[in-house]
Amino acid sequence: MGRRRFSHLHTELSVAVGTLVPRWALWLHLEERGFPPERLTRDGVLAYQQRELDGFLAAQRLSLSPRVARRLARALARFDPARPTPEEVMERLAGARAAGRRA
């Protein structure tokens, strides 16, 4: 579930800053700061966002306005890794549709 939470953080952060955030750099920064990406919890991802994210973004020459940072925090807090994301649902539908055409 932690990896799903990391993927969600990466996606939401990329949307929030308006550009693709380097995934591997984010992974390493989380690890270096004591937030193992493969075991991220809701509280962990929120703590990282509050305490460490600005440093990561500054190193990437990116930033978030306070308003966008609050919106990001809400999106991260609401994420339930047990439920499929809209992207995963669409992938599954497209895969089923493609399999139906091959049959």
PDB file of N, CA and C in Angstrom:
ATOM      1  N   MET A   1       0.811  -1.198   0.000  1.00  0.00           N
ATOM      2  CA  MET A   1       0.000   0.000   0.000  1.00  0.00           C
ATOM      3  C   MET A   1       0.856   1.264   0.000  1.00  0.00           C
ATOM      4  N   GLY A   2       2.056   1.165   0.586  1.00  0.00           N
ATOM      5  CA  GLY A   2       2.942   2.315   0.633  1.00  0.00           C
ATOM      6  C   GLY A   2       3.372   2.789  -0.744  1.00  0.00           C
ATOM      7  N   ARG A   3       3.640   1.823  -1.634  1.00  0.00           N
ATOM      8  CA  ARG A   3       4.029   2.200  -2.997  1.00  0.00           C
ATOM      9  C   ARG A   3       2.887   2.897  -3.720  1.00  0.00           C
ATOM     10  N   ARG A   4       1.683   2.460  -3.469  1.00  0.00           N
ATOM     11  CA  ARG A   4       0.529   3.137  -4.077  1.00  0.00           C
ATOM     12  C   ARG A   4       0.433   4.564  -3.551  1.00  0.00           C
ATOM     13  N   ARG A   5       0.711   4.727  -2.273  1.00  0.00           N
ATOM     14  CA  ARG A   5       0.665   6.067  -1.688  1.00  0.00           C
ATOM     15  C   ARG A   5       1.781   6.935  -2.278  1.00  0.00           C
ATOM     16  N   PHE A   6       2.963   6.338  -2.491  1.00  0.00           N
ATOM     17  CA  PHE A   6       4.054   7.083  -3.129  1.00  0.00           C
ATOM     18  C   PHE A   6       3.651   7.499  -4.541  1.00  0.00           C
ATOM     19  N   SER A   7       3.088   6.577  -5.302  1.00  0.00           N
ATOM     20  CA  SER A   7       2.666   6.899  -6.675  1.00  0.00           C
ATOM     21  C   SER A   7       1.641   8.025  -6.666  1.00  0.00           C
ATOM     22  N   HIS A   8       0.737   7.981  -5.702  1.00  0.00           N
ATOM     23  CA  HIS A   8      -0.264   9.034  -5.604  1.00  0.00           C
ATOM     24  C   HIS A   8       0.395  10.368  -5.267  1.00  0.00           C
ATOM     25  N   LEU A   9       1.346  10.359  -4.332  1.00  0.00           N
ATOM     26  CA  LEU A   9       2.083  11.583  -4.001  1.00  0.00           C
ATOM     27  C   LEU A   9       2.764  12.135  -5.245  1.00  0.00           C
ATOM     28  N   HIS A  10       3.435  11.283  -5.992  1.00  0.00           N
ATOM     29  CA  HIS A  10       4.140  11.722  -7.199  1.00  0.00           C
ATOM     30  C   HIS A  10       3.179  12.344  -8.205  1.00  0.00           C
ATOM     31  N   THR A  11       2.065  11.682  -8.434  1.00  0.00           N
ATOM     32  CA  THR A  11       1.083  12.184  -9.402  1.00  0.00           C
ATOM     33  C   THR A  11       0.498  13.516  -8.956  1.00  0.00           C
ATOM     34  N   GLU A  12       0.025  13.578  -7.715  1.00  0.00           N
ATOM     35  CA  GLU A  12      -0.592  14.805  -7.211  1.00  0.00           C
ATOM     36  C   GLU A  12       0.407  15.954  -7.162  1.00  0.00           C
ATOM     37  N   LEU A  13       1.634  15.662  -6.786  1.00  0.00           N
ATOM     38  CA  LEU A  13       2.657  16.699  -6.729  1.00  0.00           C
ATOM     39  C   LEU A  13       2.978  17.220  -8.125  1.00  0.00           C
ATOM     40  N   SER A  14       3.075  16.325  -9.100  1.00  0.00           N
ATOM     41  CA  SER A  14       3.337  16.741 -10.477  1.00  0.00           C
ATOM     42  C   SER A  14       2.219  17.634 -10.997  1.00  0.00           C
ATOM     43  N   VAL A  15       0.990  17.277 -10.706  1.00  0.00           N
ATOM     44  CA  VAL A  15      -0.146  18.101 -11.118  1.00  0.00           C
ATOM     45  C   VAL A  15      -0.092  19.455 -10.413  1.00  0.00           C
ATOM     46  N   ALA A  16       0.212  19.438  -9.117  1.00  0.00           N
ATOM     47  CA  ALA A  16       0.231  20.672  -8.334  1.00  0.00           C
ATOM     48  C   ALA A  16       1.278  21.666  -8.841  1.00  0.00           C
ATOM     49  N   VAL A  17       2.459  21.175  -9.204  1.00  0.00           N
ATOM     50  CA  VAL A  17       3.505  22.096  -9.675  1.00  0.00           C
ATOM     51  C   VAL A  17       3.411  22.365 -11.170  1.00  0.00           C
ATOM     52  N   GLY A  18       2.630  21.574 -11.878  1.00  0.00           N
ATOM     53  CA  GLY A  18       2.418  21.814 -13.301  1.00  0.00           C
ATOM     54  C   GLY A  18       3.493  21.244 -14.207  1.00  0.00           C
ATOM     55  N   THR A  19       4.290  20.334 -13.686  1.00  0.00           N
ATOM     56  CA  THR A  19       5.308  19.673 -14.489  1.00  0.00           C
ATOM     57  C   THR A  19       5.616  18.320 -13.857  1.00  0.00           C
ATOM     58  N   LEU A  20       6.181  17.435 -14.636  1.00  0.00           N
ATOM     59  CA  LEU A  20       6.501  16.106 -14.133  1.00  0.00           C
ATOM     60  C   LEU A  20       7.663  16.194 -13.148  1.00  0.00           C
ATOM     61  N   VAL A  21       7.412  15.802 -11.920  1.00  0.00           N
ATOM     62  CA  VAL A  21       8.433  15.806 -10.876  1.00  0.00           C
ATOM     63  C   VAL A  21       9.289  14.549 -11.056  1.00  0.00           C
ATOM     64  N   PRO A  22      10.618  14.675 -10.931  1.00  0.00           N
ATOM     65  CA  PRO A  22      11.477  13.488 -11.075  1.00  0.00           C
ATOM     66  C   PRO A  22      11.145  12.431 -10.011  1.00  0.00           C
ATOM     67  N   ARG A  23      10.621  11.316 -10.454  1.00  0.00           N
ATOM     68  CA  ARG A  23      10.139  10.267  -9.549  1.00  0.00           C
ATOM     69  C   ARG A  23      11.271   9.685  -8.688  1.00  0.00           C
ATOM     70  N   TRP A  24      12.400   9.373  -9.308  1.00  0.00           N
ATOM     71  CA  TRP A  24      13.498   8.767  -8.570  1.00  0.00           C
ATOM     72  C   TRP A  24      14.066   9.749  -7.545  1.00  0.00           C
ATOM     73  N   ALA A  25      14.175  11.004  -7.901  1.00  0.00           N
ATOM     74  CA  ALA A  25      14.679  12.016  -6.957  1.00  0.00           C
ATOM     75  C   ALA A  25      13.730  12.148  -5.765  1.00  0.00           C
ATOM     76  N   LEU A  26      12.436  12.096  -6.024  1.00  0.00           N
ATOM     77  CA  LEU A  26      11.454  12.164  -4.936  1.00  0.00           C
ATOM     78  C   LEU A  26      11.588  10.932  -4.041  1.00  0.00           C
ATOM     79  N   TRP A  27      11.729   9.766  -4.638  1.00  0.00           N
ATOM     80  CA  TRP A  27      11.896   8.516  -3.889  1.00  0.00           C
ATOM     81  C   TRP A  27      13.111   8.621  -2.959  1.00  0.00           C
ATOM     82  N   LEU A  28      14.244   9.050  -3.516  1.00  0.00           N
ATOM     83  CA  LEU A  28      15.465   9.165  -2.727  1.00  0.00           C
ATOM     84  C   LEU A  28      15.332  10.193  -1.612  1.00  0.00           C
ATOM     85  N   HIS A  29      14.689  11.311  -1.902  1.00  0.00           N
ATOM     86  CA  HIS A  29      14.509  12.356  -0.887  1.00  0.00           C
ATOM     87  C   HIS A  29      13.653  11.844   0.260  1.00  0.00           C
ATOM     88  N   LEU A  30      12.601  11.128  -0.061  1.00  0.00           N
ATOM     89  CA  LEU A  30      11.768  10.540   0.992  1.00  0.00           C
ATOM     90  C   LEU A  30      12.597   9.599   1.865  1.00  0.00           C
ATOM     91  N   GLU A  31      13.359   8.728   1.229  1.00  0.00           N
ATOM     92  CA  GLU A  31      14.196   7.781   1.974  1.00  0.00           C
ATOM     93  C   GLU A  31      15.207   8.497   2.858  1.00  0.00           C
ATOM     94  N   GLU A  32      15.881   9.488   2.297  1.00  0.00           N
ATOM     95  CA  GLU A  32      16.896  10.240   3.043  1.00  0.00           C
ATOM     96  C   GLU A  32      16.308  10.951   4.263  1.00  0.00           C
ATOM     97  N   ARG A  33      15.070  11.348   4.163  1.00  0.00           N
ATOM     98  CA  ARG A  33      14.429  12.095   5.239  1.00  0.00           C
ATOM     99  C   ARG A  33      13.689  11.189   6.229  1.00  0.00           C
ATOM    100  N   GLY A  34      13.828   9.872   6.066  1.00  0.00           N
ATOM    101  CA  GLY A  34      13.238   8.936   7.015  1.00  0.00           C
ATOM    102  C   GLY A  34      11.798   8.547   6.737  1.00  0.00           C
ATOM    103  N   PHE A  35      11.378   8.692   5.489  1.00  0.00           N
ATOM    104  CA  PHE A  35      10.024   8.304   5.082  1.00  0.00           C
ATOM    105  C   PHE A  35      10.147   7.236   3.991  1.00  0.00           C
ATOM    106  N   PRO A  36      10.297   5.965   4.375  1.00  0.00           N
ATOM    107  CA  PRO A  36      10.485   4.911   3.361  1.00  0.00           C
ATOM    108  C   PRO A  36       9.307   4.863   2.381  1.00  0.00           C
ATOM    109  N   PRO A  37       9.554   5.136   1.103  1.00  0.00           N
ATOM    110  CA  PRO A  37       8.467   5.194   0.122  1.00  0.00           C
ATOM    111  C   PRO A  37       7.635   3.922   0.024  1.00  0.00           C
ATOM    112  N   GLU A  38       8.271   2.758   0.215  1.00  0.00           N
ATOM    113  CA  GLU A  38       7.522   1.502   0.089  1.00  0.00           C
ATOM    114  C   GLU A  38       6.640   1.232   1.303  1.00  0.00           C
ATOM    115  N   ARG A  39       6.786   2.031   2.360  1.00  0.00           N
ATOM    116  CA  ARG A  39       5.959   1.844   3.558  1.00  0.00           C
ATOM    117  C   ARG A  39       5.281   3.137   3.998  1.00  0.00           C
ATOM    118  N   LEU A  40       5.028   4.023   3.062  1.00  0.00           N
ATOM    119  CA  LEU A  40       4.412   5.306   3.413  1.00  0.00           C
ATOM    120  C   LEU A  40       3.013   5.112   3.988  1.00  0.00           C
ATOM    121  N   THR A  41       2.738   5.838   5.025  1.00  0.00           N
ATOM    122  CA  THR A  41       1.408   5.859   5.622  1.00  0.00           C
ATOM    123  C   THR A  41       0.783   7.221   5.345  1.00  0.00           C
ATOM    124  N   ARG A  42      -0.482   7.332   5.641  1.00  0.00           N
ATOM    125  CA  ARG A  42      -1.168   8.620   5.487  1.00  0.00           C
ATOM    126  C   ARG A  42      -0.472   9.682   6.325  1.00  0.00           C
ATOM    127  N   ASP A  43      -0.216   9.373   7.602  1.00  0.00           N
ATOM    128  CA  ASP A  43       0.442  10.341   8.478  1.00  0.00           C
ATOM    129  C   ASP A  43       1.852  10.662   7.992  1.00  0.00           C
ATOM    130  N   GLY A  44       2.552   9.648   7.478  1.00  0.00           N
ATOM    131  CA  GLY A  44       3.904   9.860   6.987  1.00  0.00           C
ATOM    132  C   GLY A  44       3.956  10.782   5.788  1.00  0.00           C
ATOM    133  N   VAL A  45       3.067  10.572   4.835  1.00  0.00           N
ATOM    134  CA  VAL A  45       3.081  11.408   3.635  1.00  0.00           C
ATOM    135  C   VAL A  45       2.682  12.847   3.988  1.00  0.00           C
ATOM    136  N   LEU A  46       1.757  13.014   4.929  1.00  0.00           N
ATOM    137  CA  LEU A  46       1.372  14.365   5.342  1.00  0.00           C
ATOM    138  C   LEU A  46       2.497  15.050   6.112  1.00  0.00           C
ATOM    139  N   ALA A  47       3.204  14.306   6.959  1.00  0.00           N
ATOM    140  CA  ALA A  47       4.340  14.872   7.688  1.00  0.00           C
ATOM    141  C   ALA A  47       5.443  15.273   6.712  1.00  0.00           C
ATOM    142  N   TYR A  48       5.700  14.430   5.724  1.00  0.00           N
ATOM    143  CA  TYR A  48       6.708  14.758   4.720  1.00  0.00           C
ATOM    144  C   TYR A  48       6.323  16.038   3.995  1.00  0.00           C
ATOM    145  N   GLN A  49       5.074  16.136   3.608  1.00  0.00           N
ATOM    146  CA  GLN A  49       4.648  17.327   2.883  1.00  0.00           C
ATOM    147  C   GLN A  49       4.820  18.582   3.732  1.00  0.00           C
ATOM    148  N   GLN A  50       4.486  18.503   5.004  1.00  0.00           N
ATOM    149  CA  GLN A  50       4.580  19.672   5.880  1.00  0.00           C
ATOM    150  C   GLN A  50       6.016  20.062   6.201  1.00  0.00           C
ATOM    151  N   ARG A  51       6.894  19.065   6.402  1.00  0.00           N
ATOM    152  CA  ARG A  51       8.239  19.353   6.909  1.00  0.00           C
ATOM    153  C   ARG A  51       9.345  19.323   5.866  1.00  0.00           C
ATOM    154  N   GLU A  52       9.217  18.497   4.848  1.00  0.00           N
ATOM    155  CA  GLU A  52      10.355  18.249   3.955  1.00  0.00           C
ATOM    156  C   GLU A  52      10.131  18.611   2.491  1.00  0.00           C
ATOM    157  N   LEU A  53       8.894  18.705   2.063  1.00  0.00           N
ATOM    158  CA  LEU A  53       8.610  18.879   0.640  1.00  0.00           C
ATOM    159  C   LEU A  53       9.177  20.177   0.074  1.00  0.00           C
ATOM    160  N   ASP A  54       9.102  21.260   0.825  1.00  0.00           N
ATOM    161  CA  ASP A  54       9.624  22.539   0.317  1.00  0.00           C
ATOM    162  C   ASP A  54      11.104  22.436  -0.040  1.00  0.00           C
ATOM    163  N   GLY A  55      11.879  21.715   0.774  1.00  0.00           N
ATOM    164  CA  GLY A  55      13.293  21.526   0.473  1.00  0.00           C
ATOM    165  C   GLY A  55      13.513  20.753  -0.814  1.00  0.00           C
ATOM    166  N   PHE A  56      12.721  19.709  -0.999  1.00  0.00           N
ATOM    167  CA  PHE A  56      12.816  18.932  -2.233  1.00  0.00           C
ATOM    168  C   PHE A  56      12.467  19.801  -3.431  1.00  0.00           C
ATOM    169  N   LEU A  57      11.368  20.534  -3.320  1.00  0.00           N
ATOM    170  CA  LEU A  57      10.946  21.373  -4.438  1.00  0.00           C
ATOM    171  C   LEU A  57      11.981  22.446  -4.749  1.00  0.00           C
ATOM    172  N   ALA A  58      12.562  23.047  -3.720  1.00  0.00           N
ATOM    173  CA  ALA A  58      13.591  24.067  -3.945  1.00  0.00           C
ATOM    174  C   ALA A  58      14.783  23.478  -4.699  1.00  0.00           C
ATOM    175  N   ALA A  59      15.178  22.261  -4.347  1.00  0.00           N
ATOM    176  CA  ALA A  59      16.294  21.603  -5.034  1.00  0.00           C
ATOM    177  C   ALA A  59      15.962  21.336  -6.507  1.00  0.00           C
ATOM    178  N   GLN A  60      14.686  21.185  -6.804  1.00  0.00           N
ATOM    179  CA  GLN A  60      14.239  20.946  -8.178  1.00  0.00           C
ATOM    180  C   GLN A  60      13.870  22.243  -8.899  1.00  0.00           C
ATOM    181  N   ARG A  61      14.062  23.367  -8.211  1.00  0.00           N
ATOM    182  CA  ARG A  61      13.691  24.702  -8.723  1.00  0.00           C
ATOM    183  C   ARG A  61      12.194  24.793  -8.999  1.00  0.00           C
ATOM    184  N   LEU A  62      11.429  24.249  -8.054  1.00  0.00           N
ATOM    185  CA  LEU A  62       9.970  24.282  -8.121  1.00  0.00           C
ATOM    186  C   LEU A  62       9.432  24.836  -6.814  1.00  0.00           C
ATOM    187  N   SER A  63       8.189  25.234  -6.819  1.00  0.00           N
ATOM    188  CA  SER A  63       7.568  25.693  -5.576  1.00  0.00           C
ATOM    189  C   SER A  63       6.051  25.560  -5.683  1.00  0.00           C
ATOM    190  N   LEU A  64       5.416  25.642  -4.531  1.00  0.00           N
ATOM    191  CA  LEU A  64       3.957  25.615  -4.445  1.00  0.00           C
ATOM    192  C   LEU A  64       3.489  26.856  -3.702  1.00  0.00           C
ATOM    193  N   SER A  65       2.413  27.436  -4.156  1.00  0.00           N
ATOM    194  CA  SER A  65       1.810  28.531  -3.399  1.00  0.00           C
ATOM    195  C   SER A  65       1.142  27.925  -2.166  1.00  0.00           C
ATOM    196  N   PRO A  66       0.926  28.711  -1.123  1.00  0.00           N
ATOM    197  CA  PRO A  66       0.254  28.172   0.067  1.00  0.00           C
ATOM    198  C   PRO A  66      -1.108  27.552  -0.258  1.00  0.00           C
ATOM    199  N   ARG A  67      -1.837  28.165  -1.156  1.00  0.00           N
ATOM    200  CA  ARG A  67      -3.158  27.641  -1.529  1.00  0.00           C
ATOM    201  C   ARG A  67      -3.042  26.271  -2.200  1.00  0.00           C
ATOM    202  N   VAL A  68      -2.105  26.140  -3.120  1.00  0.00           N
ATOM    203  CA  VAL A  68      -1.906  24.858  -3.818  1.00  0.00           C
ATOM    204  C   VAL A  68      -1.380  23.806  -2.843  1.00  0.00           C
ATOM    205  N   ALA A  69      -0.536  24.209  -1.901  1.00  0.00           N
ATOM    206  CA  ALA A  69      -0.025  23.274  -0.894  1.00  0.00           C
ATOM    207  C   ALA A  69      -1.162  22.740  -0.030  1.00  0.00           C
ATOM    208  N   ARG A  70      -2.128  23.587   0.320  1.00  0.00           N
ATOM    209  CA  ARG A  70      -3.288  23.122   1.104  1.00  0.00           C
ATOM    210  C   ARG A  70      -4.137  22.147   0.287  1.00  0.00           C
ATOM    211  N   ARG A  71      -4.304  22.443  -0.985  1.00  0.00           N
ATOM    212  CA  ARG A  71      -5.072  21.556  -1.859  1.00  0.00           C
ATOM    213  C   ARG A  71      -4.367  20.203  -1.992  1.00  0.00           C
ATOM    214  N   LEU A  72      -3.049  20.231  -2.110  1.00  0.00           N
ATOM    215  CA  LEU A  72      -2.265  18.998  -2.182  1.00  0.00           C
ATOM    216  C   LEU A  72      -2.429  18.192  -0.896  1.00  0.00           C
ATOM    217  N   ALA A  73      -2.363  18.860   0.248  1.00  0.00           N
ATOM    218  CA  ALA A  73      -2.521  18.171   1.538  1.00  0.00           C
ATOM    219  C   ALA A  73      -3.886  17.485   1.618  1.00  0.00           C
ATOM    220  N   ARG A  74      -4.922  18.148   1.148  1.00  0.00           N
ATOM    221  CA  ARG A  74      -6.266  17.536   1.163  1.00  0.00           C
ATOM    222  C   ARG A  74      -6.312  16.303   0.262  1.00  0.00           C
ATOM    223  N   ALA A  75      -5.723  16.405  -0.912  1.00  0.00           N
ATOM    224  CA  ALA A  75      -5.718  15.270  -1.847  1.00  0.00           C
ATOM    225  C   ALA A  75      -4.936  14.095  -1.267  1.00  0.00           C
ATOM    226  N   LEU A  76      -3.828  14.377  -0.612  1.00  0.00           N
ATOM    227  CA  LEU A  76      -3.026  13.309  -0.016  1.00  0.00           C
ATOM    228  C   LEU A  76      -3.747  12.673   1.169  1.00  0.00           C
ATOM    229  N   ALA A  77      -4.438  13.484   1.952  1.00  0.00           N
ATOM    230  CA  ALA A  77      -5.146  12.973   3.133  1.00  0.00           C
ATOM    231  C   ALA A  77      -6.337  12.106   2.739  1.00  0.00           C
ATOM    232  N   ARG A  78      -6.993  12.435   1.636  1.00  0.00           N
ATOM    233  CA  ARG A  78      -8.193  11.694   1.234  1.00  0.00           C
ATOM    234  C   ARG A  78      -7.904  10.395   0.508  1.00  0.00           C
ATOM    235  N   PHE A  79      -6.692  10.208   0.049  1.00  0.00           N
ATOM    236  CA  PHE A  79      -6.362   9.032  -0.757  1.00  0.00           C
ATOM    237  C   PHE A  79      -6.514   7.748   0.056  1.00  0.00           C
ATOM    238  N   ASP A  80      -7.208   6.786  -0.530  1.00  0.00           N
ATOM    239  CA  ASP A  80      -7.364   5.464   0.078  1.00  0.00           C
ATOM    240  C   ASP A  80      -6.687   4.448  -0.835  1.00  0.00           C
ATOM    241  N   PRO A  81      -5.515   3.936  -0.437  1.00  0.00           N
ATOM    242  CA  PRO A  81      -4.792   3.022  -1.322  1.00  0.00           C
ATOM    243  C   PRO A  81      -5.504   1.694  -1.571  1.00  0.00           C
ATOM    244  N   ALA A  82      -6.535   1.396  -0.793  1.00  0.00           N
ATOM    245  CA  ALA A  82      -7.279   0.154  -0.995  1.00  0.00           C
ATOM    246  C   ALA A  82      -8.265   0.271  -2.168  1.00  0.00           C
ATOM    247  N   ARG A  83      -8.566   1.485  -2.589  1.00  0.00           N
ATOM    248  CA  ARG A  83      -9.501   1.694  -3.700  1.00  0.00           C
ATOM    249  C   ARG A  83      -8.739   2.014  -4.978  1.00  0.00           C
ATOM    250  N   PRO A  84      -9.177   1.494  -6.113  1.00  0.00           N
ATOM    251  CA  PRO A  84      -8.487   1.800  -7.369  1.00  0.00           C
ATOM    252  C   PRO A  84      -8.641   3.275  -7.737  1.00  0.00           C
ATOM    253  N   THR A  85      -7.590   3.829  -8.311  1.00  0.00           N
ATOM    254  CA  THR A  85      -7.638   5.214  -8.766  1.00  0.00           C
ATOM    255  C   THR A  85      -8.428   5.275 -10.074  1.00  0.00           C
ATOM    256  N   PRO A  86      -8.882   6.454 -10.467  1.00  0.00           N
ATOM    257  CA  PRO A  86      -9.568   6.560 -11.770  1.00  0.00           C
ATOM    258  C   PRO A  86      -8.699   6.062 -12.921  1.00  0.00           C
ATOM    259  N   GLU A  87      -7.406   6.318 -12.844  1.00  0.00           N
ATOM    260  CA  GLU A  87      -6.504   5.849 -13.906  1.00  0.00           C
ATOM    261  C   GLU A  87      -6.490   4.325 -13.975  1.00  0.00           C
ATOM    262  N   GLU A  88      -6.472   3.673 -12.810  1.00  0.00           N
ATOM    263  CA  GLU A  88      -6.457   2.207 -12.782  1.00  0.00           C
ATOM    264  C   GLU A  88      -7.767   1.626 -13.316  1.00  0.00           C
ATOM    265  N   VAL A  89      -8.862   2.265 -13.010  1.00  0.00           N
ATOM    266  CA  VAL A  89     -10.157   1.820 -13.528  1.00  0.00           C
ATOM    267  C   VAL A  89     -10.169   1.933 -15.048  1.00  0.00           C
ATOM    268  N   MET A  90      -9.685   3.060 -15.573  1.00  0.00           N
ATOM    269  CA  MET A  90      -9.659   3.247 -17.021  1.00  0.00           C
ATOM    270  C   MET A  90      -8.719   2.254 -17.701  1.00  0.00           C
ATOM    271  N   GLU A  91      -7.572   1.966 -17.083  1.00  0.00           N
ATOM    272  CA  GLU A  91      -6.660   0.969 -17.633  1.00  0.00           C
ATOM    273  C   GLU A  91      -7.332  -0.396 -17.718  1.00  0.00           C
ATOM    274  N   ARG A  92      -8.036  -0.753 -16.650  1.00  0.00           N
ATOM    275  CA  ARG A  92      -8.721  -2.040 -16.609  1.00  0.00           C
ATOM    276  C   ARG A  92      -9.804  -2.103 -17.685  1.00  0.00           C
ATOM    277  N   LEU A  93     -10.554  -1.016 -17.838  1.00  0.00           N
ATOM    278  CA  LEU A  93     -11.601  -0.989 -18.864  1.00  0.00           C
ATOM    279  C   LEU A  93     -11.004  -1.080 -20.265  1.00  0.00           C
ATOM    280  N   ALA A  94      -9.935  -0.335 -20.501  1.00  0.00           N
ATOM    281  CA  ALA A  94      -9.285  -0.366 -21.815  1.00  0.00           C
ATOM    282  C   ALA A  94      -8.694  -1.745 -22.081  1.00  0.00           C
ATOM    283  N   GLY A  95      -8.127  -2.370 -21.053  1.00  0.00           N
ATOM    284  CA  GLY A  95      -7.564  -3.714 -21.216  1.00  0.00           C
ATOM    285  C   GLY A  95      -8.634  -4.740 -21.522  1.00  0.00           C
ATOM    286  N   ALA A  96      -9.767  -4.642 -20.842  1.00  0.00           N
ATOM    287  CA  ALA A  96     -10.874  -5.571 -21.094  1.00  0.00           C
ATOM    288  C   ALA A  96     -11.442  -5.365 -22.482  1.00  0.00           C
ATOM    289  N   ARG A  97     -11.533  -4.130 -22.889  1.00  0.00           N
ATOM    290  CA  ARG A  97     -12.053  -3.815 -24.223  1.00  0.00           C
ATOM    291  C   ARG A  97     -11.112  -4.352 -25.310  1.00  0.00           C
ATOM    292  N   ALA A  98      -9.805  -4.159 -25.119  1.00  0.00           N
ATOM    293  CA  ALA A  98      -8.825  -4.651 -26.094  1.00  0.00           C
ATOM    294  C   ALA A  98      -8.833  -6.175 -26.132  1.00  0.00           C
ATOM    295  N   ALA A  99      -8.990  -6.816 -24.996  1.00  0.00           N
ATOM    296  CA  ALA A  99      -9.033  -8.282 -24.960  1.00  0.00           C
ATOM    297  C   ALA A  99     -10.283  -8.785 -25.681  1.00  0.00           C
ATOM    298  N   GLY A 100     -11.397  -8.055 -25.570  1.00  0.00           N
ATOM    299  CA  GLY A 100     -12.628  -8.434 -26.236  1.00  0.00           C
ATOM    300  C   GLY A 100     -12.500  -8.358 -27.746  1.00  0.00           C
ATOM    301  N   ARG A 101     -11.749  -7.415 -28.231  1.00  0.00           N
ATOM    302  CA  ARG A 101     -11.560  -7.268 -29.680  1.00  0.00           C
ATOM    303  C   ARG A 101     -10.690  -8.387 -30.247  1.00  0.00           C
ATOM    304  N   ARG A 102      -9.752  -8.892 -29.439  1.00  0.00           N
ATOM    305  CA  ARG A 102      -8.864  -9.953 -29.905  1.00  0.00           C
ATOM    306  C   ARG A 102      -9.550 -11.307 -29.947  1.00  0.00           C
ATOM    307  N   ALA A 103     -10.597 -11.473 -29.175  1.00  0.00           N
ATOM    308  CA  ALA A 103     -11.254 -12.789 -29.072  1.00  0.00           C
ATOM    309  C   ALA A 103     -12.068 -13.124 -30.298  1.00  0.00           C
TER     310      ALA A 103
END
